[in-house]
């Protein structure tokens, strides 16, 4: 995710923002939600190519204090 751009958009609008594009690590999801201030993160390739499962991402985020539905 482009964290500075995502954060600027999140600060400028009053609607939910979805960070999209560029996920390669579990930390990228966390950064998109915390540093990027996104309300949600979108990813595809890491799931399609089996790098992570949705469950792995959610469990990681939960351990880091991000509220998620498991």
C-alpha atoms as a PDB file:
ATOM      1  CA  UNK A   1       0.000   0.000   0.000  1.00  0.00           C
ATOM      2  CA  UNK A   2       1.042   3.587  -0.526  1.00  0.00           C
ATOM      3  CA  UNK A   3       0.844   4.495   3.142  1.00  0.00           C
ATOM      4  CA  UNK A   4       1.309   8.292   2.850  1.00  0.00           C
ATOM      5  CA  UNK A   5      -1.355   8.582   0.133  1.00  0.00           C
ATOM      6  CA  UNK A   6      -3.771   6.298   1.967  1.00  0.00           C
ATOM      7  CA  UNK A   7      -3.335   8.253   5.195  1.00  0.00           C
ATOM      8  CA  UNK A   8      -3.836  11.586   3.392  1.00  0.00           C
ATOM      9  CA  UNK A   9      -7.040  10.339   1.790  1.00  0.00           C
ATOM     10  CA  UNK A  10      -8.284   8.917   5.091  1.00  0.00           C
ATOM     11  CA  UNK A  11      -7.680  12.274   6.755  1.00  0.00           C
ATOM     12  CA  UNK A  12      -9.386  14.205   3.948  1.00  0.00           C
ATOM     13  CA  UNK A  13     -12.639  12.283   3.498  1.00  0.00           C
ATOM     14  CA  UNK A  14     -15.501  11.303   5.731  1.00  0.00           C
ATOM     15  CA  UNK A  15     -16.135   7.911   4.186  1.00  0.00           C
ATOM     16  CA  UNK A  16     -14.464   4.518   4.681  1.00  0.00           C
ATOM     17  CA  UNK A  17     -11.182   4.067   2.829  1.00  0.00           C
ATOM     18  CA  UNK A  18      -9.932   0.738   1.484  1.00  0.00           C
ATOM     19  CA  UNK A  19      -6.179   0.327   1.018  1.00  0.00           C
ATOM     20  CA  UNK A  20      -5.458  -1.634  -2.158  1.00  0.00           C
ATOM     21  CA  UNK A  21      -2.416  -2.940  -3.969  1.00  0.00           C
ATOM     22  CA  UNK A  22       1.053  -3.993  -3.008  1.00  0.00           C
ATOM     23  CA  UNK A  23       0.616  -6.426  -0.124  1.00  0.00           C
ATOM     24  CA  UNK A  24       3.539  -8.780   0.267  1.00  0.00           C
ATOM     25  CA  UNK A  25       3.807  -9.352   4.001  1.00  0.00           C
ATOM     26  CA  UNK A  26       1.513  -9.612   6.985  1.00  0.00           C
ATOM     27  CA  UNK A  27       3.022  -6.366   8.252  1.00  0.00           C
ATOM     28  CA  UNK A  28       1.713  -4.583   5.154  1.00  0.00           C
ATOM     29  CA  UNK A  29      -1.859  -5.307   6.267  1.00  0.00           C
ATOM     30  CA  UNK A  30      -1.127  -3.925   9.728  1.00  0.00           C
ATOM     31  CA  UNK A  31       0.553  -0.818   8.332  1.00  0.00           C
ATOM     32  CA  UNK A  32      -2.338  -0.157   5.951  1.00  0.00           C
ATOM     33  CA  UNK A  33      -4.769  -0.137   8.851  1.00  0.00           C
ATOM     34  CA  UNK A  34      -2.617   1.728  11.363  1.00  0.00           C
ATOM     35  CA  UNK A  35      -0.191   4.034   9.554  1.00  0.00           C
ATOM     36  CA  UNK A  36      -2.396   4.332   6.477  1.00  0.00           C
ATOM     37  CA  UNK A  37      -5.532   4.797   8.591  1.00  0.00           C
ATOM     38  CA  UNK A  38      -7.518   2.626   6.172  1.00  0.00           C
ATOM     39  CA  UNK A  39     -10.795   1.114   7.290  1.00  0.00           C
ATOM     40  CA  UNK A  40     -10.095  -2.073   5.331  1.00  0.00           C
ATOM     41  CA  UNK A  41      -7.380  -3.675   3.234  1.00  0.00           C
ATOM     42  CA  UNK A  42      -7.792  -5.358  -0.120  1.00  0.00           C
ATOM     43  CA  UNK A  43      -5.421  -8.047  -1.331  1.00  0.00           C
ATOM     44  CA  UNK A  44      -5.548 -10.719  -3.995  1.00  0.00           C
ATOM     45  CA  UNK A  45      -2.227 -12.171  -5.136  1.00  0.00           C
ATOM     46  CA  UNK A  46      -1.069 -13.246  -1.683  1.00  0.00           C
ATOM     47  CA  UNK A  47      -4.254 -15.306  -1.402  1.00  0.00           C
ATOM     48  CA  UNK A  48      -4.358 -16.597  -4.972  1.00  0.00           C
ATOM     49  CA  UNK A  49      -0.763 -17.794  -4.799  1.00  0.00           C
ATOM     50  CA  UNK A  50      -1.184 -19.306  -1.345  1.00  0.00           C
ATOM     51  CA  UNK A  51       1.283 -17.062   0.465  1.00  0.00           C
ATOM     52  CA  UNK A  52      -1.269 -16.448   3.226  1.00  0.00           C
ATOM     53  CA  UNK A  53      -4.774 -17.551   4.050  1.00  0.00           C
ATOM     54  CA  UNK A  54      -7.446 -15.098   5.137  1.00  0.00           C
ATOM     55  CA  UNK A  55      -7.422 -16.819   8.526  1.00  0.00           C
ATOM     56  CA  UNK A  56      -3.662 -16.254   8.908  1.00  0.00           C
ATOM     57  CA  UNK A  57      -4.044 -12.560   8.145  1.00  0.00           C
ATOM     58  CA  UNK A  58      -6.948 -12.144  10.556  1.00  0.00           C
ATOM     59  CA  UNK A  59      -5.146 -14.014  13.334  1.00  0.00           C
ATOM     60  CA  UNK A  60      -2.030 -11.887  12.807  1.00  0.00           C
ATOM     61  CA  UNK A  61      -4.037  -8.662  12.922  1.00  0.00           C
ATOM     62  CA  UNK A  62      -5.915  -9.792  16.012  1.00  0.00           C
ATOM     63  CA  UNK A  63      -2.647 -10.558  17.813  1.00  0.00           C
ATOM     64  CA  UNK A  64      -1.524  -7.011  16.943  1.00  0.00           C
ATOM     65  CA  UNK A  65      -4.655  -5.499  18.492  1.00  0.00           C
ATOM     66  CA  UNK A  66      -6.737  -4.930  15.348  1.00  0.00           C
ATOM     67  CA  UNK A  67     -10.371  -5.972  15.869  1.00  0.00           C
ATOM     68  CA  UNK A  68     -11.354  -8.571  13.262  1.00  0.00           C
ATOM     69  CA  UNK A  69     -14.074 -11.205  12.904  1.00  0.00           C
ATOM     70  CA  UNK A  70     -12.517 -14.671  12.908  1.00  0.00           C
END
